Amino acid sequence: PFGSVYAIDDPITEGPEPNSKVIGNAQGLYVSSAKDVLSLVMYVDFEFTAGEFNGSSISVFSRNPVTQAINREVAVVGGRKKLRMAKGFALLKTHSLEPQSGDAVIEYHVTVYHH
């Protein structure tokens, strides 16, 4: 419902399969921000726990039009450690969504520029 706030703490995996390797963790908040359709304003910190960017993260703060089937884009507004001062965008694709629980598998294709 409009105005609802949801806290998230989810694994980041290499792929959408349930047995995919976990490479990080996403923590943040979603706020239901539209009265007529499902749209969220999201703040999420994506921290990597494996690979080249282990211990580093990117931050997304953007509107996410959840029901838009294609061309969903959110803004990357910052980062930490190796991804410090990151800027960019992420293109989102929903693989699955369970309306009752709110559980979803979302694929992110991220383009980031950093120092």
PDB file of N, CA and C in Angstrom:
ATOM      1  N   PRO A   1       0.817  -1.205   0.000  1.00  0.00           N
ATOM      2  CA  PRO A   1       0.000   0.000   0.000  1.00  0.00           C
ATOM      3  C   PRO A   1       0.860   1.269   0.000  1.00  0.00           C
ATOM      4  N   PHE A   2       0.297   2.335  -0.505  1.00  0.00           N
ATOM      5  CA  PHE A   2       0.985   3.621  -0.577  1.00  0.00           C
ATOM      6  C   PHE A   2       1.514   4.032   0.797  1.00  0.00           C
ATOM      7  N   GLY A   3       2.768   4.455   0.826  1.00  0.00           N
ATOM      8  CA  GLY A   3       3.385   4.925   2.066  1.00  0.00           C
ATOM      9  C   GLY A   3       4.030   3.841   2.907  1.00  0.00           C
ATOM     10  N   SER A   4       3.908   2.588   2.492  1.00  0.00           N
ATOM     11  CA  SER A   4       4.521   1.496   3.257  1.00  0.00           C
ATOM     12  C   SER A   4       6.040   1.544   3.126  1.00  0.00           C
ATOM     13  N   VAL A   5       6.726   1.169   4.205  1.00  0.00           N
ATOM     14  CA  VAL A   5       8.185   1.114   4.220  1.00  0.00           C
ATOM     15  C   VAL A   5       8.601  -0.331   4.453  1.00  0.00           C
ATOM     16  N   TYR A   6       9.534  -0.814   3.640  1.00  0.00           N
ATOM     17  CA  TYR A   6      10.015  -2.188   3.738  1.00  0.00           C
ATOM     18  C   TYR A   6      11.529  -2.181   3.902  1.00  0.00           C
ATOM     19  N   ALA A   7      12.022  -2.905   4.885  1.00  0.00           N
ATOM     20  CA  ALA A   7      13.465  -3.077   5.060  1.00  0.00           C
ATOM     21  C   ALA A   7      13.871  -4.373   4.376  1.00  0.00           C
ATOM     22  N   ILE A   8      15.035  -4.351   3.697  1.00  0.00           N
ATOM     23  CA  ILE A   8      15.507  -5.561   3.023  1.00  0.00           C
ATOM     24  C   ILE A   8      16.904  -5.929   3.500  1.00  0.00           C
ATOM     25  N   ASP A   9      17.184  -7.199   3.464  1.00  0.00           N
ATOM     26  CA  ASP A   9      18.496  -7.765   3.781  1.00  0.00           C
ATOM     27  C   ASP A   9      18.581  -9.062   2.979  1.00  0.00           C
ATOM     28  N   ASP A  10      19.073  -8.961   1.741  1.00  0.00           N
ATOM     29  CA  ASP A  10      18.992 -10.059   0.783  1.00  0.00           C
ATOM     30  C   ASP A  10      20.364 -10.441   0.233  1.00  0.00           C
ATOM     31  N   PRO A  11      20.533 -11.706  -0.153  1.00  0.00           N
ATOM     32  CA  PRO A  11      21.797 -12.116  -0.773  1.00  0.00           C
ATOM     33  C   PRO A  11      21.915 -11.577  -2.197  1.00  0.00           C
ATOM     34  N   ILE A  12      23.153 -11.335  -2.616  1.00  0.00           N
ATOM     35  CA  ILE A  12      23.463 -11.040  -4.013  1.00  0.00           C
ATOM     36  C   ILE A  12      24.116 -12.305  -4.559  1.00  0.00           C
ATOM     37  N   THR A  13      23.582 -12.814  -5.664  1.00  0.00           N
ATOM     38  CA  THR A  13      24.113 -14.049  -6.241  1.00  0.00           C
ATOM     39  C   THR A  13      24.592 -13.809  -7.670  1.00  0.00           C
ATOM     40  N   GLU A  14      25.404 -14.731  -8.169  1.00  0.00           N
ATOM     41  CA  GLU A  14      25.919 -14.617  -9.539  1.00  0.00           C
ATOM     42  C   GLU A  14      24.830 -14.782 -10.583  1.00  0.00           C
ATOM     43  N   GLY A  15      23.796 -15.530 -10.277  1.00  0.00           N
ATOM     44  CA  GLY A  15      22.720 -15.779 -11.232  1.00  0.00           C
ATOM     45  C   GLY A  15      21.392 -15.914 -10.522  1.00  0.00           C
ATOM     46  N   PRO A  16      20.303 -16.091 -11.283  1.00  0.00           N
ATOM     47  CA  PRO A  16      18.968 -16.171 -10.689  1.00  0.00           C
ATOM     48  C   PRO A  16      18.616 -17.536 -10.089  1.00  0.00           C
ATOM     49  N   GLU A  17      19.447 -18.544 -10.329  1.00  0.00           N
ATOM     50  CA  GLU A  17      19.150 -19.886  -9.838  1.00  0.00           C
ATOM     51  C   GLU A  17      19.296 -19.940  -8.314  1.00  0.00           C
ATOM     52  N   PRO A  18      18.445 -20.732  -7.645  1.00  0.00           N
ATOM     53  CA  PRO A  18      18.503 -20.831  -6.174  1.00  0.00           C
ATOM     54  C   PRO A  18      19.853 -21.302  -5.635  1.00  0.00           C
ATOM     55  N   ASN A  19      20.598 -22.073  -6.423  1.00  0.00           N
ATOM     56  CA  ASN A  19      21.891 -22.585  -5.953  1.00  0.00           C
ATOM     57  C   ASN A  19      23.071 -21.739  -6.437  1.00  0.00           C
ATOM     58  N   SER A  20      22.801 -20.542  -6.960  1.00  0.00           N
ATOM     59  CA  SER A  20      23.868 -19.650  -7.430  1.00  0.00           C
ATOM     60  C   SER A  20      24.777 -19.235  -6.284  1.00  0.00           C
ATOM     61  N   LYS A  21      26.038 -19.011  -6.607  1.00  0.00           N
ATOM     62  CA  LYS A  21      27.027 -18.587  -5.616  1.00  0.00           C
ATOM     63  C   LYS A  21      26.675 -17.202  -5.070  1.00  0.00           C
ATOM     64  N   VAL A  22      26.698 -17.076  -3.742  1.00  0.00           N
ATOM     65  CA  VAL A  22      26.458 -15.788  -3.083  1.00  0.00           C
ATOM     66  C   VAL A  22      27.741 -14.972  -3.153  1.00  0.00           C
ATOM     67  N   ILE A  23      27.639 -13.736  -3.673  1.00  0.00           N
ATOM     68  CA  ILE A  23      28.806 -12.864  -3.815  1.00  0.00           C
ATOM     69  C   ILE A  23      28.656 -11.558  -3.041  1.00  0.00           C
ATOM     70  N   GLY A  24      27.558 -11.430  -2.294  1.00  0.00           N
ATOM     71  CA  GLY A  24      27.372 -10.197  -1.538  1.00  0.00           C
ATOM     72  C   GLY A  24      26.039 -10.156  -0.832  1.00  0.00           C
ATOM     73  N   ASN A  25      25.720  -8.959  -0.342  1.00  0.00           N
ATOM     74  CA  ASN A  25      24.511  -8.757   0.434  1.00  0.00           C
ATOM     75  C   ASN A  25      23.944  -7.377   0.118  1.00  0.00           C
ATOM     76  N   ALA A  26      22.627  -7.308  -0.020  1.00  0.00           N
ATOM     77  CA  ALA A  26      21.940  -6.039  -0.282  1.00  0.00           C
ATOM     78  C   ALA A  26      21.094  -5.681   0.931  1.00  0.00           C
ATOM     79  N   GLN A  27      21.333  -4.495   1.467  1.00  0.00           N
ATOM     80  CA  GLN A  27      20.551  -4.015   2.607  1.00  0.00           C
ATOM     81  C   GLN A  27      20.031  -2.625   2.292  1.00  0.00           C
ATOM     82  N   GLY A  28      18.796  -2.356   2.708  1.00  0.00           N
ATOM     83  CA  GLY A  28      18.261  -1.029   2.459  1.00  0.00           C
ATOM     84  C   GLY A  28      16.784  -0.933   2.745  1.00  0.00           C
ATOM     85  N   LEU A  29      16.177   0.068   2.114  1.00  0.00           N
ATOM     86  CA  LEU A  29      14.770   0.375   2.331  1.00  0.00           C
ATOM     87  C   LEU A  29      14.058   0.585   1.006  1.00  0.00           C
ATOM     88  N   TYR A  30      12.801   0.140   0.955  1.00  0.00           N
ATOM     89  CA  TYR A  30      11.889   0.458  -0.136  1.00  0.00           C
ATOM     90  C   TYR A  30      10.732   1.234   0.473  1.00  0.00           C
ATOM     91  N   VAL A  31      10.270   2.261  -0.231  1.00  0.00           N
ATOM     92  CA  VAL A  31       9.079   2.999   0.184  1.00  0.00           C
ATOM     93  C   VAL A  31       8.098   2.969  -0.978  1.00  0.00           C
ATOM     94  N   SER A  32       6.874   2.501  -0.724  1.00  0.00           N
ATOM     95  CA  SER A  32       5.835   2.495  -1.745  1.00  0.00           C
ATOM     96  C   SER A  32       5.418   3.946  -1.985  1.00  0.00           C
ATOM     97  N   SER A  33       5.691   4.452  -3.208  1.00  0.00           N
ATOM     98  CA  SER A  33       5.616   5.897  -3.419  1.00  0.00           C
ATOM     99  C   SER A  33       4.587   6.350  -4.450  1.00  0.00           C
ATOM    100  N   ALA A  34       3.754   5.455  -4.949  1.00  0.00           N
ATOM    101  CA  ALA A  34       2.735   5.844  -5.923  1.00  0.00           C
ATOM    102  C   ALA A  34       1.373   5.347  -5.456  1.00  0.00           C
ATOM    103  N   LYS A  35       0.351   6.136  -5.723  1.00  0.00           N
ATOM    104  CA  LYS A  35      -1.002   5.763  -5.295  1.00  0.00           C
ATOM    105  C   LYS A  35      -1.702   4.847  -6.294  1.00  0.00           C
ATOM    106  N   ASP A  36      -1.370   4.977  -7.581  1.00  0.00           N
ATOM    107  CA  ASP A  36      -2.116   4.267  -8.616  1.00  0.00           C
ATOM    108  C   ASP A  36      -1.485   2.962  -9.085  1.00  0.00           C
ATOM    109  N   VAL A  37      -0.147   2.859  -9.026  1.00  0.00           N
ATOM    110  CA  VAL A  37       0.566   1.669  -9.488  1.00  0.00           C
ATOM    111  C   VAL A  37       1.625   1.314  -8.455  1.00  0.00           C
ATOM    112  N   LEU A  38       2.213   0.126  -8.604  1.00  0.00           N
ATOM    113  CA  LEU A  38       3.290  -0.263  -7.691  1.00  0.00           C
ATOM    114  C   LEU A  38       4.592   0.376  -8.153  1.00  0.00           C
ATOM    115  N   SER A  39       5.052   1.343  -7.398  1.00  0.00           N
ATOM    116  CA  SER A  39       6.311   2.020  -7.675  1.00  0.00           C
ATOM    117  C   SER A  39       6.993   2.252  -6.340  1.00  0.00           C
ATOM    118  N   LEU A  40       8.287   2.005  -6.297  1.00  0.00           N
ATOM    119  CA  LEU A  40       9.045   2.128  -5.054  1.00  0.00           C
ATOM    120  C   LEU A  40      10.138   3.174  -5.205  1.00  0.00           C
ATOM    121  N   VAL A  41      10.400   3.904  -4.144  1.00  0.00           N
ATOM    122  CA  VAL A  41      11.645   4.650  -4.041  1.00  0.00           C
ATOM    123  C   VAL A  41      12.541   3.752  -3.216  1.00  0.00           C
ATOM    124  N   MET A  42      13.749   3.508  -3.714  1.00  0.00           N
ATOM    125  CA  MET A  42      14.609   2.540  -3.046  1.00  0.00           C
ATOM    126  C   MET A  42      15.957   3.142  -2.698  1.00  0.00           C
ATOM    127  N   TYR A  43      16.409   2.812  -1.504  1.00  0.00           N
ATOM    128  CA  TYR A  43      17.800   3.053  -1.126  1.00  0.00           C
ATOM    129  C   TYR A  43      18.356   1.682  -0.763  1.00  0.00           C
ATOM    130  N   VAL A  44      19.353   1.219  -1.505  1.00  0.00           N
ATOM    131  CA  VAL A  44      19.942  -0.090  -1.233  1.00  0.00           C
ATOM    132  C   VAL A  44      21.459   0.011  -1.367  1.00  0.00           C
ATOM    133  N   ASP A  45      22.165  -0.574  -0.393  1.00  0.00           N
ATOM    134  CA  ASP A  45      23.619  -0.691  -0.432  1.00  0.00           C
ATOM    135  C   ASP A  45      23.942  -2.133  -0.811  1.00  0.00           C
ATOM    136  N   PHE A  46      24.638  -2.306  -1.937  1.00  0.00           N
ATOM    137  CA  PHE A  46      25.017  -3.624  -2.437  1.00  0.00           C
ATOM    138  C   PHE A  46      26.482  -3.860  -2.077  1.00  0.00           C
ATOM    139  N   GLU A  47      26.729  -4.661  -1.037  1.00  0.00           N
ATOM    140  CA  GLU A  47      28.104  -4.923  -0.604  1.00  0.00           C
ATOM    141  C   GLU A  47      28.565  -6.273  -1.135  1.00  0.00           C
ATOM    142  N   PHE A  48      29.763  -6.276  -1.712  1.00  0.00           N
ATOM    143  CA  PHE A  48      30.334  -7.502  -2.251  1.00  0.00           C
ATOM    144  C   PHE A  48      31.176  -8.191  -1.186  1.00  0.00           C
ATOM    145  N   THR A  49      31.024  -9.514  -1.089  1.00  0.00           N
ATOM    146  CA  THR A  49      31.745 -10.302  -0.084  1.00  0.00           C
ATOM    147  C   THR A  49      32.671 -11.322  -0.732  1.00  0.00           C
ATOM    148  N   ALA A  50      32.850 -11.203  -2.043  1.00  0.00           N
ATOM    149  CA  ALA A  50      33.719 -12.125  -2.784  1.00  0.00           C
ATOM    150  C   ALA A  50      34.255 -11.409  -4.010  1.00  0.00           C
ATOM    151  N   GLY A  51      35.334 -11.932  -4.542  1.00  0.00           N
ATOM    152  CA  GLY A  51      35.864 -11.434  -5.801  1.00  0.00           C
ATOM    153  C   GLY A  51      36.650 -10.147  -5.689  1.00  0.00           C
ATOM    154  N   GLU A  52      36.858  -9.522  -6.829  1.00  0.00           N
ATOM    155  CA  GLU A  52      37.685  -8.317  -6.946  1.00  0.00           C
ATOM    156  C   GLU A  52      37.206  -7.171  -6.055  1.00  0.00           C
ATOM    157  N   PHE A  53      35.902  -7.071  -5.838  1.00  0.00           N
ATOM    158  CA  PHE A  53      35.345  -5.954  -5.075  1.00  0.00           C
ATOM    159  C   PHE A  53      34.918  -6.354  -3.664  1.00  0.00           C
ATOM    160  N   ASN A  54      35.487  -7.436  -3.144  1.00  0.00           N
ATOM    161  CA  ASN A  54      35.201  -7.898  -1.782  1.00  0.00           C
ATOM    162  C   ASN A  54      35.389  -6.745  -0.794  1.00  0.00           C
ATOM    163  N   GLY A  55      34.356  -6.467   0.012  1.00  0.00           N
ATOM    164  CA  GLY A  55      34.415  -5.396   1.000  1.00  0.00           C
ATOM    165  C   GLY A  55      33.997  -4.040   0.470  1.00  0.00           C
ATOM    166  N   SER A  56      33.789  -3.927  -0.834  1.00  0.00           N
ATOM    167  CA  SER A  56      33.355  -2.678  -1.451  1.00  0.00           C
ATOM    168  C   SER A  56      31.857  -2.749  -1.726  1.00  0.00           C
ATOM    169  N   SER A  57      31.254  -1.579  -1.975  1.00  0.00           N
ATOM    170  CA  SER A  57      29.822  -1.579  -2.259  1.00  0.00           C
ATOM    171  C   SER A  57      29.456  -0.450  -3.201  1.00  0.00           C
ATOM    172  N   ILE A  58      28.259  -0.575  -3.795  1.00  0.00           N
ATOM    173  CA  ILE A  58      27.637   0.518  -4.531  1.00  0.00           C
ATOM    174  C   ILE A  58      26.300   0.816  -3.870  1.00  0.00           C
ATOM    175  N   SER A  59      25.872   2.064  -3.992  1.00  0.00           N
ATOM    176  CA  SER A  59      24.602   2.486  -3.414  1.00  0.00           C
ATOM    177  C   SER A  59      23.665   2.954  -4.513  1.00  0.00           C
ATOM    178  N   VAL A  60      22.417   2.487  -4.434  1.00  0.00           N
ATOM    179  CA  VAL A  60      21.367   2.886  -5.360  1.00  0.00           C
ATOM    180  C   VAL A  60      20.348   3.701  -4.577  1.00  0.00           C
ATOM    181  N   PHE A  61      19.982   4.851  -5.129  1.00  0.00           N
ATOM    182  CA  PHE A  61      18.898   5.659  -4.554  1.00  0.00           C
ATOM    183  C   PHE A  61      18.098   6.174  -5.728  1.00  0.00           C
ATOM    184  N   SER A  62      16.895   5.617  -5.928  1.00  0.00           N
ATOM    185  CA  SER A  62      16.176   5.916  -7.153  1.00  0.00           C
ATOM    186  C   SER A  62      14.734   5.438  -7.069  1.00  0.00           C
ATOM    187  N   ARG A  63      13.924   5.895  -8.009  1.00  0.00           N
ATOM    188  CA  ARG A  63      12.561   5.402  -8.185  1.00  0.00           C
ATOM    189  C   ARG A  63      12.632   4.114  -8.994  1.00  0.00           C
ATOM    190  N   ASN A  64      11.854   3.118  -8.595  1.00  0.00           N
ATOM    191  CA  ASN A  64      11.824   1.828  -9.268  1.00  0.00           C
ATOM    192  C   ASN A  64      10.381   1.520  -9.659  1.00  0.00           C
ATOM    193  N   PRO A  65      10.017   1.712 -10.945  1.00  0.00           N
ATOM    194  CA  PRO A  65       8.654   1.412 -11.398  1.00  0.00           C
ATOM    195  C   PRO A  65       8.467  -0.101 -11.560  1.00  0.00           C
ATOM    196  N   VAL A  66       8.154  -0.767 -10.483  1.00  0.00           N
ATOM    197  CA  VAL A  66       8.179  -2.231 -10.387  1.00  0.00           C
ATOM    198  C   VAL A  66       7.359  -2.926 -11.465  1.00  0.00           C
ATOM    199  N   THR A  67       6.205  -2.391 -11.820  1.00  0.00           N
ATOM    200  CA  THR A  67       5.329  -3.074 -12.778  1.00  0.00           C
ATOM    201  C   THR A  67       5.717  -2.819 -14.230  1.00  0.00           C
ATOM    202  N   GLN A  68       6.675  -1.952 -14.467  1.00  0.00           N
ATOM    203  CA  GLN A  68       7.152  -1.710 -15.828  1.00  0.00           C
ATOM    204  C   GLN A  68       7.968  -2.929 -16.257  1.00  0.00           C
ATOM    205  N   ALA A  69       7.511  -3.629 -17.263  1.00  0.00           N
ATOM    206  CA  ALA A  69       8.118  -4.912 -17.635  1.00  0.00           C
ATOM    207  C   ALA A  69       9.536  -4.774 -18.183  1.00  0.00           C
ATOM    208  N   ILE A  70       9.784  -3.762 -18.975  1.00  0.00           N
ATOM    209  CA  ILE A  70      11.108  -3.598 -19.576  1.00  0.00           C
ATOM    210  C   ILE A  70      11.623  -2.194 -19.321  1.00  0.00           C
ATOM    211  N   ASN A  71      12.906  -2.027 -19.527  1.00  0.00           N
ATOM    212  CA  ASN A  71      13.554  -0.722 -19.419  1.00  0.00           C
ATOM    213  C   ASN A  71      13.442  -0.079 -18.043  1.00  0.00           C
ATOM    214  N   ARG A  72      13.461  -0.893 -16.998  1.00  0.00           N
ATOM    215  CA  ARG A  72      13.525  -0.319 -15.653  1.00  0.00           C
ATOM    216  C   ARG A  72      14.963   0.078 -15.388  1.00  0.00           C
ATOM    217  N   GLU A  73      15.146   1.309 -14.968  1.00  0.00           N
ATOM    218  CA  GLU A  73      16.490   1.826 -14.728  1.00  0.00           C
ATOM    219  C   GLU A  73      16.507   2.553 -13.396  1.00  0.00           C
ATOM    220  N   VAL A  74      17.544   2.299 -12.603  1.00  0.00           N
ATOM    221  CA  VAL A  74      17.721   3.002 -11.333  1.00  0.00           C
ATOM    222  C   VAL A  74      19.119   3.613 -11.307  1.00  0.00           C
ATOM    223  N   ALA A  75      19.291   4.638 -10.473  1.00  0.00           N
ATOM    224  CA  ALA A  75      20.547   5.376 -10.415  1.00  0.00           C
ATOM    225  C   ALA A  75      21.497   4.808  -9.368  1.00  0.00           C
ATOM    226  N   VAL A  76      22.761   4.646  -9.749  1.00  0.00           N
ATOM    227  CA  VAL A  76      23.834   4.345  -8.798  1.00  0.00           C
ATOM    228  C   VAL A  76      24.396   5.696  -8.374  1.00  0.00           C
ATOM    229  N   VAL A  77      24.347   5.983  -7.073  1.00  0.00           N
ATOM    230  CA  VAL A  77      24.690   7.324  -6.591  1.00  0.00           C
ATOM    231  C   VAL A  77      25.957   7.381  -5.753  1.00  0.00           C
ATOM    232  N   GLY A  78      26.579   6.244  -5.498  1.00  0.00           N
ATOM    233  CA  GLY A  78      27.801   6.271  -4.704  1.00  0.00           C
ATOM    234  C   GLY A  78      28.348   4.883  -4.479  1.00  0.00           C
ATOM    235  N   GLY A  79      29.442   4.836  -3.724  1.00  0.00           N
ATOM    236  CA  GLY A  79      30.067   3.565  -3.418  1.00  0.00           C
ATOM    237  C   GLY A  79      31.086   3.722  -2.306  1.00  0.00           C
ATOM    238  N   ARG A  80      31.609   2.592  -1.860  1.00  0.00           N
ATOM    239  CA  ARG A  80      32.620   2.582  -0.800  1.00  0.00           C
ATOM    240  C   ARG A  80      33.826   1.764  -1.240  1.00  0.00           C
ATOM    241  N   LYS A  81      34.954   2.045  -0.599  1.00  0.00           N
ATOM    242  CA  LYS A  81      36.236   1.359  -0.815  1.00  0.00           C
ATOM    243  C   LYS A  81      36.630   1.401  -2.287  1.00  0.00           C
ATOM    244  N   LYS A  82      36.814   0.254  -2.953  1.00  0.00           N
ATOM    245  CA  LYS A  82      37.263   0.260  -4.348  1.00  0.00           C
ATOM    246  C   LYS A  82      36.261   0.929  -5.291  1.00  0.00           C
ATOM    247  N   LEU A  83      35.022   1.072  -4.853  1.00  0.00           N
ATOM    248  CA  LEU A  83      33.982   1.692  -5.678  1.00  0.00           C
ATOM    249  C   LEU A  83      33.621   3.090  -5.177  1.00  0.00           C
ATOM    250  N   ARG A  84      34.528   3.694  -4.435  1.00  0.00           N
ATOM    251  CA  ARG A  84      34.323   5.040  -3.891  1.00  0.00           C
ATOM    252  C   ARG A  84      33.972   6.011  -5.020  1.00  0.00           C
ATOM    253  N   MET A  85      33.007   6.879  -4.743  1.00  0.00           N
ATOM    254  CA  MET A  85      32.538   7.910  -5.677  1.00  0.00           C
ATOM    255  C   MET A  85      31.925   7.314  -6.947  1.00  0.00           C
ATOM    256  N   ALA A  86      31.369   6.135  -6.852  1.00  0.00           N
ATOM    257  CA  ALA A  86      30.741   5.499  -8.014  1.00  0.00           C
ATOM    258  C   ALA A  86      29.534   6.304  -8.480  1.00  0.00           C
ATOM    259  N   LYS A  87      29.364   6.332  -9.792  1.00  0.00           N
ATOM    260  CA  LYS A  87      28.183   6.922 -10.425  1.00  0.00           C
ATOM    261  C   LYS A  87      27.804   5.992 -11.561  1.00  0.00           C
ATOM    262  N   GLY A  88      26.516   5.912 -11.827  1.00  0.00           N
ATOM    263  CA  GLY A  88      26.112   5.073 -12.939  1.00  0.00           C
ATOM    264  C   GLY A  88      24.641   4.739 -12.893  1.00  0.00           C
ATOM    265  N   PHE A  89      24.324   3.576 -13.454  1.00  0.00           N
ATOM    266  CA  PHE A  89      22.931   3.158 -13.524  1.00  0.00           C
ATOM    267  C   PHE A  89      22.871   1.639 -13.537  1.00  0.00           C
ATOM    268  N   ALA A  90      21.693   1.129 -13.234  1.00  0.00           N
ATOM    269  CA  ALA A  90      21.444  -0.311 -13.298  1.00  0.00           C
ATOM    270  C   ALA A  90      20.153  -0.544 -14.069  1.00  0.00           C
ATOM    271  N   LEU A  91      20.192  -1.485 -14.989  1.00  0.00           N
ATOM    272  CA  LEU A  91      19.000  -1.920 -15.708  1.00  0.00           C
ATOM    273  C   LEU A  91      18.489  -3.172 -15.015  1.00  0.00           C
ATOM    274  N   LEU A  92      17.199  -3.189 -14.700  1.00  0.00           N
ATOM    275  CA  LEU A  92      16.615  -4.262 -13.897  1.00  0.00           C
ATOM    276  C   LEU A  92      15.686  -5.141 -14.720  1.00  0.00           C
ATOM    277  N   LYS A  93      15.732  -6.435 -14.419  1.00  0.00           N
ATOM    278  CA  LYS A  93      14.839  -7.411 -15.043  1.00  0.00           C
ATOM    279  C   LYS A  93      14.317  -8.326 -13.949  1.00  0.00           C
ATOM    280  N   THR A  94      13.004  -8.460 -13.850  1.00  0.00           N
ATOM    281  CA  THR A  94      12.400  -9.339 -12.857  1.00  0.00           C
ATOM    282  C   THR A  94      12.329 -10.758 -13.410  1.00  0.00           C
ATOM    283  N   HIS A  95      12.947 -11.704 -12.687  1.00  0.00           N
ATOM    284  CA  HIS A  95      12.867 -13.118 -13.070  1.00  0.00           C
ATOM    285  C   HIS A  95      11.645 -13.765 -12.444  1.00  0.00           C
ATOM    286  N   SER A  96      11.356 -13.413 -11.191  1.00  0.00           N
ATOM    287  CA  SER A  96      10.173 -13.959 -10.526  1.00  0.00           C
ATOM    288  C   SER A  96       9.733 -12.996  -9.432  1.00  0.00           C
ATOM    289  N   LEU A  97       8.430 -13.005  -9.158  1.00  0.00           N
ATOM    290  CA  LEU A  97       7.858 -12.163  -8.106  1.00  0.00           C
ATOM    291  C   LEU A  97       6.719 -12.922  -7.460  1.00  0.00           C
ATOM    292  N   GLU A  98       6.783 -13.081  -6.161  1.00  0.00           N
ATOM    293  CA  GLU A  98       5.732 -13.741  -5.384  1.00  0.00           C
ATOM    294  C   GLU A  98       4.930 -12.639  -4.688  1.00  0.00           C
ATOM    295  N   PRO A  99       3.740 -12.289  -5.227  1.00  0.00           N
ATOM    296  CA  PRO A  99       2.983 -11.151  -4.692  1.00  0.00           C
ATOM    297  C   PRO A  99       2.610 -11.272  -3.211  1.00  0.00           C
ATOM    298  N   GLN A 100       2.310 -12.477  -2.745  1.00  0.00           N
ATOM    299  CA  GLN A 100       1.889 -12.639  -1.348  1.00  0.00           C
ATOM    300  C   GLN A 100       3.014 -12.319  -0.369  1.00  0.00           C
ATOM    301  N   SER A 101       4.205 -12.836  -0.640  1.00  0.00           N
ATOM    302  CA  SER A 101       5.326 -12.643   0.290  1.00  0.00           C
ATOM    303  C   SER A 101       6.182 -11.434  -0.069  1.00  0.00           C
ATOM    304  N   GLY A 102       6.099 -10.996  -1.334  1.00  0.00           N
ATOM    305  CA  GLY A 102       6.956  -9.910  -1.794  1.00  0.00           C
ATOM    306  C   GLY A 102       8.337 -10.379  -2.210  1.00  0.00           C
ATOM    307  N   ASP A 103       8.590 -11.694  -2.117  1.00  0.00           N
ATOM    308  CA  ASP A 103       9.889 -12.225  -2.526  1.00  0.00           C
ATOM    309  C   ASP A 103      10.041 -12.117  -4.044  1.00  0.00           C
ATOM    310  N   ALA A 104      11.233 -11.727  -4.472  1.00  0.00           N
ATOM    311  CA  ALA A 104      11.478 -11.565  -5.900  1.00  0.00           C
ATOM    312  C   ALA A 104      12.923 -11.916  -6.222  1.00  0.00           C
ATOM    313  N   VAL A 105      13.134 -12.302  -7.471  1.00  0.00           N
ATOM    314  CA  VAL A 105      14.480 -12.476  -8.003  1.00  0.00           C
ATOM    315  C   VAL A 105      14.628 -11.431  -9.105  1.00  0.00           C
ATOM    316  N   ILE A 106      15.553 -10.488  -8.895  1.00  0.00           N
ATOM    317  CA  ILE A 106      15.762  -9.374  -9.813  1.00  0.00           C
ATOM    318  C   ILE A 106      17.185  -9.435 -10.347  1.00  0.00           C
ATOM    319  N   GLU A 107      17.325  -9.324 -11.653  1.00  0.00           N
ATOM    320  CA  GLU A 107      18.645  -9.272 -12.282  1.00  0.00           C
ATOM    321  C   GLU A 107      19.020  -7.813 -12.506  1.00  0.00           C
ATOM    322  N   TYR A 108      20.237  -7.462 -12.103  1.00  0.00           N
ATOM    323  CA  TYR A 108      20.757  -6.103 -12.275  1.00  0.00           C
ATOM    324  C   TYR A 108      21.911  -6.142 -13.269  1.00  0.00           C
ATOM    325  N   HIS A 109      21.859  -5.306 -14.292  1.00  0.00           N
ATOM    326  CA  HIS A 109      22.996  -5.071 -15.186  1.00  0.00           C
ATOM    327  C   HIS A 109      23.484  -3.671 -14.854  1.00  0.00           C
ATOM    328  N   VAL A 110      24.653  -3.577 -14.233  1.00  0.00           N
ATOM    329  CA  VAL A 110      25.124  -2.319 -13.653  1.00  0.00           C
ATOM    330  C   VAL A 110      26.287  -1.756 -14.465  1.00  0.00           C
ATOM    331  N   THR A 111      26.192  -0.464 -14.761  1.00  0.00           N
ATOM    332  CA  THR A 111      27.290   0.282 -15.373  1.00  0.00           C
ATOM    333  C   THR A 111      27.725   1.336 -14.368  1.00  0.00           C
ATOM    334  N   VAL A 112      29.003   1.287 -13.979  1.00  0.00           N
ATOM    335  CA  VAL A 112      29.506   2.175 -12.925  1.00  0.00           C
ATOM    336  C   VAL A 112      30.817   2.810 -13.366  1.00  0.00           C
ATOM    337  N   TYR A 113      30.936   4.095 -13.092  1.00  0.00           N
ATOM    338  CA  TYR A 113      32.194   4.826 -13.242  1.00  0.00           C
ATOM    339  C   TYR A 113      32.654   5.183 -11.845  1.00  0.00           C
ATOM    340  N   HIS A 114      33.941   4.943 -11.537  1.00  0.00           N
ATOM    341  CA  HIS A 114      34.437   5.242 -10.190  1.00  0.00           C
ATOM    342  C   HIS A 114      35.894   5.652 -10.259  1.00  0.00           C
ATOM    343  N   HIS A 115      36.374   6.208  -9.142  1.00  0.00           N
ATOM    344  CA  HIS A 115      37.772   6.679  -9.056  1.00  0.00           C
ATOM    345  C   HIS A 115      38.641   5.636  -8.407  1.00  0.00           C
TER     346      HIS A 115
END
